[in-house]
Amino acid sequence: EVLRRHIMDVDNVPYADACRTFATIEVINKKGHYLVALPYKIGIFSATFVGIAAIPMVFHLPTIEWFNVWAVTTDVPEMKDLETPLEVSIWSWNWMEPPLGLAS
């Protein structure tokens, strides 16, 4: 509203004309907004994805075993040491701590 009143004062036009000028300014101002906001949207999406993916990568034994075969290739502890999700996380934390620390 302040900008409309300023347009009225500077251009010496009635309120209706100032509203049309304001609408033109608003359209030009919003042009390219998506491109400017894109890095923020990518960051929000990436943080959400990493946060959700981190849970099975630390606590879910089949996921950890698959990732170990695919990328880590460390020795697998005995099954008696992998009975609970917390025991599984002790093993997976060896390679998951650096990326999770970086992501946070």
Protein backbone atom coordinates (compact mmCIF):
# COMPACT_ATOMS: atom_id res chain seq x y z
CA GLU A 1 0.00 0.00 0.00
CA VAL A 2 2.88 2.37 0.76
CA LEU A 3 4.29 1.75 -2.71
CA ARG A 4 0.92 2.52 -4.29
CA ARG A 5 0.74 5.80 -2.39
CA HIS A 6 4.30 6.57 -3.44
CA ILE A 7 3.42 5.90 -7.10
CA MET A 8 0.42 8.24 -6.74
CA ASP A 9 2.67 10.96 -5.35
CA VAL A 10 5.58 10.61 -7.79
CA ASP A 11 3.53 10.05 -10.96
CA ASN A 12 0.71 12.36 -9.85
CA VAL A 13 -1.95 9.79 -10.80
CA PRO A 14 -5.15 8.61 -9.14
CA TYR A 15 -5.31 5.43 -7.06
CA ALA A 16 -6.63 3.23 -9.90
CA ASP A 17 -3.71 4.15 -12.17
CA ALA A 18 -1.28 3.56 -9.31
CA CYS A 19 -2.77 0.07 -8.84
CA ARG A 20 -2.16 -0.75 -12.51
CA THR A 21 1.44 0.49 -12.25
CA PHE A 22 1.87 -1.53 -9.08
CA ALA A 23 0.56 -4.68 -10.83
CA THR A 24 3.11 -4.16 -13.62
CA ILE A 25 5.92 -3.74 -11.08
CA GLU A 26 4.75 -6.89 -9.26
CA VAL A 27 4.82 -8.99 -12.45
CA ILE A 28 8.33 -7.78 -13.33
CA ASN A 29 9.51 -8.32 -9.76
CA LYS A 30 8.31 -11.95 -9.74
CA LYS A 31 9.94 -12.72 -13.07
CA GLY A 32 12.79 -15.18 -12.54
CA HIS A 33 11.81 -15.83 -8.92
CA TYR A 34 11.78 -19.61 -9.52
CA LEU A 35 15.36 -19.58 -10.76
CA VAL A 36 16.56 -17.52 -7.81
CA ALA A 37 14.80 -19.82 -5.33
CA LEU A 38 16.00 -23.02 -7.01
CA PRO A 39 19.19 -23.45 -4.92
CA TYR A 40 17.14 -23.21 -1.73
CA LYS A 41 14.66 -25.79 -3.00
CA ILE A 42 17.48 -28.15 -3.99
CA GLY A 43 19.03 -27.75 -0.53
CA ILE A 44 15.76 -28.44 1.26
CA PHE A 45 15.08 -31.50 -0.90
CA SER A 46 18.62 -32.83 -0.43
CA ALA A 47 18.58 -32.37 3.35
CA THR A 48 15.21 -34.11 3.60
CA PHE A 49 16.37 -37.00 1.44
CA VAL A 50 19.62 -37.47 3.38
CA GLY A 51 17.79 -37.27 6.70
CA ILE A 52 15.31 -39.96 5.69
CA ALA A 53 17.91 -42.19 3.99
CA ALA A 54 20.23 -42.03 7.01
CA ILE A 55 17.89 -44.05 9.22
CA PRO A 56 18.02 -47.33 7.26
CA MET A 57 21.70 -46.74 6.42
CA VAL A 58 22.49 -46.86 10.14
CA PHE A 59 19.90 -49.19 11.71
CA HIS A 60 18.52 -51.57 9.02
CA LEU A 61 20.67 -54.69 8.67
CA PRO A 62 19.69 -55.73 5.10
CA THR A 63 20.36 -52.19 3.83
CA ILE A 64 23.68 -52.04 5.63
CA GLU A 65 24.71 -55.47 4.31
CA TRP A 66 23.85 -54.38 0.75
CA PHE A 67 25.80 -51.14 1.12
CA ASN A 68 28.73 -52.98 2.66
CA VAL A 69 28.94 -55.31 -0.35
CA TRP A 70 28.42 -52.48 -2.83
CA ALA A 71 30.66 -49.74 -1.40
CA VAL A 72 32.36 -50.38 1.94
CA THR A 73 33.63 -54.00 1.85
CA THR A 74 34.46 -54.20 5.55
CA ASP A 75 34.38 -57.37 7.62
CA VAL A 76 30.93 -58.37 8.80
CA PRO A 77 30.65 -59.02 12.55
CA GLU A 78 29.24 -62.28 13.85
CA MET A 79 25.45 -62.55 13.80
CA LYS A 80 25.35 -62.60 17.62
CA ASP A 81 26.73 -59.02 17.46
CA LEU A 82 23.99 -57.91 15.03
CA GLU A 83 20.83 -58.96 16.86
CA THR A 84 19.36 -55.51 17.58
CA PRO A 85 19.26 -52.27 15.59
CA LEU A 86 21.58 -50.66 18.13
CA GLU A 87 24.16 -53.40 17.66
CA VAL A 88 23.81 -53.01 13.91
CA SER A 89 24.35 -49.28 14.24
CA ILE A 90 27.62 -49.85 16.12
CA TRP A 91 28.94 -51.65 13.05
CA SER A 92 27.53 -49.25 10.45
CA TRP A 93 28.59 -46.14 12.35
CA ASN A 94 32.21 -46.81 11.33
CA TRP A 95 31.50 -45.62 7.80
CA MET A 96 28.31 -43.60 8.33
CA GLU A 97 29.67 -41.10 10.86
CA PRO A 98 31.66 -38.97 8.37
CA PRO A 99 28.87 -38.44 5.80
CA LEU A 100 26.24 -37.87 8.50
CA GLY A 101 28.46 -35.39 10.29
CA LEU A 102 29.06 -33.58 7.01
CA ALA A 103 25.35 -33.60 6.14
CA SER A 104 24.34 -32.19 9.48
